[in-house]
N, C-alpha and C. Protein backbone atom coordinates (compact mmCIF):
# COMPACT_ATOMS: atom_id res chain seq x y z
N MET A 1 -6.59 -4.58 -13.00
CA MET A 1 -7.77 -4.16 -12.26
C MET A 1 -8.10 -5.22 -11.21
N ALA A 2 -8.43 -4.75 -10.02
CA ALA A 2 -8.77 -5.66 -8.94
C ALA A 2 -10.15 -6.28 -9.17
N ARG A 3 -10.30 -7.51 -8.69
CA ARG A 3 -11.60 -8.16 -8.79
C ARG A 3 -12.58 -7.58 -7.79
N ILE A 4 -12.04 -7.02 -6.70
CA ILE A 4 -12.86 -6.39 -5.68
C ILE A 4 -12.64 -4.89 -5.77
N GLU A 5 -13.70 -4.14 -5.86
CA GLU A 5 -13.58 -2.69 -5.98
C GLU A 5 -13.12 -2.09 -4.66
N GLY A 6 -12.16 -1.19 -4.74
CA GLY A 6 -11.66 -0.51 -3.56
C GLY A 6 -12.53 0.66 -3.16
N VAL A 7 -12.16 1.29 -2.06
CA VAL A 7 -12.91 2.45 -1.58
C VAL A 7 -12.57 3.68 -2.41
N ASP A 8 -13.41 4.68 -2.31
CA ASP A 8 -13.13 5.98 -2.92
C ASP A 8 -12.19 6.71 -1.95
N PRO A 9 -10.94 6.96 -2.34
CA PRO A 9 -9.99 7.58 -1.41
C PRO A 9 -10.41 8.97 -0.94
N ASP A 10 -11.23 9.65 -1.71
CA ASP A 10 -11.68 10.99 -1.32
C ASP A 10 -12.77 10.94 -0.25
N ARG A 11 -13.26 9.75 0.04
CA ARG A 11 -14.32 9.62 1.05
C ARG A 11 -13.83 8.90 2.30
N THR A 12 -12.52 8.78 2.44
CA THR A 12 -11.97 8.14 3.63
C THR A 12 -11.56 9.20 4.64
N GLU A 13 -11.44 8.78 5.88
CA GLU A 13 -11.03 9.71 6.93
C GLU A 13 -10.22 8.96 7.97
N GLY A 14 -9.74 9.68 8.95
CA GLY A 14 -8.97 9.08 10.03
C GLY A 14 -7.67 8.48 9.53
N TYR A 15 -7.27 7.39 10.17
CA TYR A 15 -6.01 6.73 9.85
C TYR A 15 -5.93 6.31 8.39
N VAL A 16 -6.99 5.71 7.89
CA VAL A 16 -7.01 5.24 6.49
C VAL A 16 -6.82 6.43 5.55
N GLY A 17 -7.53 7.50 5.79
CA GLY A 17 -7.42 8.69 4.94
C GLY A 17 -6.02 9.27 4.94
N LYS A 18 -5.37 9.29 6.11
CA LYS A 18 -4.01 9.83 6.20
C LYS A 18 -3.02 8.97 5.42
N VAL A 19 -3.15 7.66 5.54
CA VAL A 19 -2.25 6.76 4.81
C VAL A 19 -2.45 6.91 3.31
N LEU A 20 -3.69 6.94 2.86
CA LEU A 20 -3.96 7.06 1.42
C LEU A 20 -3.47 8.41 0.89
N GLU A 21 -3.60 9.45 1.69
CA GLU A 21 -3.12 10.77 1.27
C GLU A 21 -1.59 10.77 1.18
N ALA A 22 -0.93 10.11 2.11
CA ALA A 22 0.54 10.01 2.06
C ALA A 22 0.98 9.25 0.82
N GLN A 23 0.25 8.21 0.46
CA GLN A 23 0.57 7.46 -0.76
C GLN A 23 0.37 8.35 -1.98
N ARG A 24 -0.67 9.14 -1.97
CA ARG A 24 -0.93 10.06 -3.09
C ARG A 24 0.22 11.05 -3.23
N SER A 25 0.72 11.54 -2.12
CA SER A 25 1.84 12.49 -2.14
C SER A 25 3.11 11.82 -2.67
N THR A 26 3.31 10.57 -2.30
CA THR A 26 4.53 9.85 -2.69
C THR A 26 4.47 9.33 -4.12
N TRP A 27 3.37 8.66 -4.47
CA TRP A 27 3.29 7.97 -5.76
C TRP A 27 2.28 8.56 -6.74
N GLY A 28 1.62 9.64 -6.37
CA GLY A 28 0.67 10.26 -7.28
C GLY A 28 -0.75 9.78 -7.12
N ARG A 29 -0.94 8.65 -6.47
CA ARG A 29 -2.27 8.12 -6.17
C ARG A 29 -2.13 7.01 -5.14
N PRO A 30 -3.21 6.70 -4.42
CA PRO A 30 -3.14 5.60 -3.45
C PRO A 30 -2.90 4.26 -4.16
N LEU A 31 -2.23 3.37 -3.48
CA LEU A 31 -1.96 2.05 -4.05
C LEU A 31 -3.25 1.23 -4.11
N LEU A 32 -3.45 0.53 -5.21
CA LEU A 32 -4.68 -0.21 -5.43
C LEU A 32 -4.95 -1.23 -4.32
N ASN A 33 -3.93 -1.96 -3.90
CA ASN A 33 -4.17 -2.96 -2.86
C ASN A 33 -4.64 -2.32 -1.56
N HIS A 34 -4.17 -1.11 -1.26
CA HIS A 34 -4.60 -0.43 -0.04
C HIS A 34 -6.05 0.05 -0.15
N LEU A 35 -6.47 0.38 -1.35
CA LEU A 35 -7.88 0.77 -1.54
C LEU A 35 -8.80 -0.42 -1.26
N VAL A 36 -8.34 -1.61 -1.59
CA VAL A 36 -9.13 -2.81 -1.30
C VAL A 36 -9.09 -3.12 0.19
N TYR A 37 -7.89 -3.06 0.80
CA TYR A 37 -7.78 -3.30 2.24
C TYR A 37 -8.64 -2.32 3.03
N ALA A 38 -8.77 -1.10 2.53
CA ALA A 38 -9.50 -0.05 3.25
C ALA A 38 -10.99 -0.36 3.38
N ARG A 39 -11.48 -1.33 2.64
CA ARG A 39 -12.88 -1.73 2.79
C ARG A 39 -13.13 -2.25 4.20
N ARG A 40 -12.09 -2.78 4.83
CA ARG A 40 -12.17 -3.28 6.20
C ARG A 40 -11.08 -2.60 7.01
N PRO A 41 -11.38 -1.51 7.72
CA PRO A 41 -10.36 -0.76 8.44
C PRO A 41 -9.50 -1.61 9.38
N SER A 42 -10.08 -2.63 10.00
CA SER A 42 -9.27 -3.47 10.89
C SER A 42 -8.22 -4.25 10.09
N LEU A 43 -8.58 -4.72 8.92
CA LEU A 43 -7.63 -5.41 8.04
C LEU A 43 -6.58 -4.42 7.54
N PHE A 44 -7.01 -3.22 7.18
CA PHE A 44 -6.10 -2.18 6.71
C PHE A 44 -5.03 -1.92 7.76
N LYS A 45 -5.45 -1.74 9.01
CA LYS A 45 -4.49 -1.47 10.09
C LYS A 45 -3.54 -2.65 10.29
N ALA A 46 -4.05 -3.86 10.17
CA ALA A 46 -3.20 -5.03 10.34
C ALA A 46 -2.14 -5.11 9.23
N VAL A 47 -2.54 -4.87 8.00
CA VAL A 47 -1.61 -4.91 6.87
C VAL A 47 -0.56 -3.81 7.01
N ARG A 48 -1.00 -2.61 7.38
CA ARG A 48 -0.05 -1.51 7.58
C ARG A 48 0.91 -1.84 8.72
N GLY A 49 0.41 -2.49 9.75
CA GLY A 49 1.28 -2.91 10.86
C GLY A 49 2.33 -3.90 10.41
N MET A 50 1.94 -4.83 9.53
CA MET A 50 2.90 -5.80 9.00
C MET A 50 4.00 -5.08 8.23
N TRP A 51 3.61 -4.15 7.33
CA TRP A 51 4.62 -3.44 6.54
C TRP A 51 5.51 -2.58 7.42
N SER A 52 4.94 -1.96 8.44
CA SER A 52 5.74 -1.15 9.36
C SER A 52 6.75 -2.03 10.10
N GLY A 53 6.29 -3.19 10.54
CA GLY A 53 7.19 -4.12 11.22
C GLY A 53 8.31 -4.60 10.32
N LEU A 54 7.99 -4.90 9.08
CA LEU A 54 9.03 -5.33 8.14
C LEU A 54 10.03 -4.21 7.88
N ASN A 55 9.53 -3.00 7.77
CA ASN A 55 10.42 -1.86 7.53
C ASN A 55 11.32 -1.58 8.73
N GLN A 56 10.81 -1.79 9.94
CA GLN A 56 11.61 -1.55 11.13
C GLN A 56 12.65 -2.63 11.34
N GLY A 57 12.36 -3.84 10.87
CA GLY A 57 13.30 -4.95 11.02
C GLY A 57 14.55 -4.75 10.20
N ALA A 58 14.43 -4.10 9.06
CA ALA A 58 15.55 -3.74 8.18
C ALA A 58 16.58 -4.86 8.02
N ILE A 59 16.12 -6.06 7.74
CA ILE A 59 17.03 -7.17 7.48
C ILE A 59 17.67 -6.99 6.11
N VAL A 60 16.90 -6.42 5.20
CA VAL A 60 17.35 -6.23 3.83
C VAL A 60 17.53 -4.73 3.58
N ASP A 61 18.58 -4.36 2.89
CA ASP A 61 18.87 -2.97 2.57
C ASP A 61 17.70 -2.34 1.81
N GLU A 62 17.42 -1.05 2.08
CA GLU A 62 16.28 -0.36 1.45
C GLU A 62 16.35 -0.37 -0.07
N ALA A 63 17.55 -0.21 -0.62
CA ALA A 63 17.69 -0.20 -2.08
C ALA A 63 17.30 -1.55 -2.67
N LEU A 64 17.67 -2.62 -1.99
CA LEU A 64 17.31 -3.96 -2.46
C LEU A 64 15.81 -4.19 -2.34
N VAL A 65 15.21 -3.69 -1.27
CA VAL A 65 13.76 -3.81 -1.10
C VAL A 65 13.04 -3.12 -2.26
N ALA A 66 13.51 -1.92 -2.63
CA ALA A 66 12.91 -1.19 -3.75
C ALA A 66 13.01 -2.00 -5.04
N LEU A 67 14.16 -2.60 -5.29
CA LEU A 67 14.33 -3.42 -6.50
C LEU A 67 13.43 -4.65 -6.48
N ILE A 68 13.32 -5.27 -5.32
CA ILE A 68 12.45 -6.45 -5.18
C ILE A 68 11.00 -6.06 -5.43
N ASN A 69 10.57 -4.94 -4.85
CA ASN A 69 9.19 -4.48 -5.06
C ASN A 69 8.90 -4.23 -6.53
N ARG A 70 9.83 -3.63 -7.22
CA ARG A 70 9.63 -3.37 -8.65
C ARG A 70 9.58 -4.67 -9.45
N ARG A 71 10.41 -5.62 -9.09
CA ARG A 71 10.43 -6.90 -9.79
C ARG A 71 9.11 -7.65 -9.57
N VAL A 72 8.65 -7.66 -8.33
CA VAL A 72 7.38 -8.34 -8.02
C VAL A 72 6.23 -7.64 -8.75
N ALA A 73 6.25 -6.31 -8.78
CA ALA A 73 5.21 -5.57 -9.50
C ALA A 73 5.21 -5.96 -10.98
N LYS A 74 6.39 -6.05 -11.57
CA LYS A 74 6.49 -6.44 -12.99
C LYS A 74 5.95 -7.85 -13.21
N LEU A 75 6.32 -8.76 -12.31
CA LEU A 75 5.83 -10.14 -12.44
C LEU A 75 4.31 -10.22 -12.32
N ASN A 76 3.73 -9.30 -11.54
CA ASN A 76 2.28 -9.27 -11.37
C ASN A 76 1.57 -8.44 -12.43
N GLY A 77 2.32 -7.88 -13.37
CA GLY A 77 1.72 -7.11 -14.43
C GLY A 77 1.36 -5.69 -14.03
N CYS A 78 1.93 -5.23 -12.92
CA CYS A 78 1.67 -3.87 -12.45
C CYS A 78 2.55 -2.90 -13.22
N VAL A 79 1.99 -1.80 -13.66
CA VAL A 79 2.75 -0.81 -14.42
C VAL A 79 3.53 0.12 -13.52
N PHE A 80 3.48 -0.08 -12.23
CA PHE A 80 4.19 0.73 -11.24
C PHE A 80 5.66 0.74 -11.59
């Protein structure tokens, strides 16, 4: 559980709402860290920009990125 409460995803709109809805479609619910970032839309856009830039750079193969994400989630105690 986050120390800072995230936004209610059903009460978001615009860019933030679209991203959270896409996460819900992909993973069944919005990601907790994005709910916290969404408290500050400018920060949310910046974080999403970082991830988009990393994904476009494609230095690391997508399959390896998925494995790394799962490993980091496990190390952080995330049940993802």
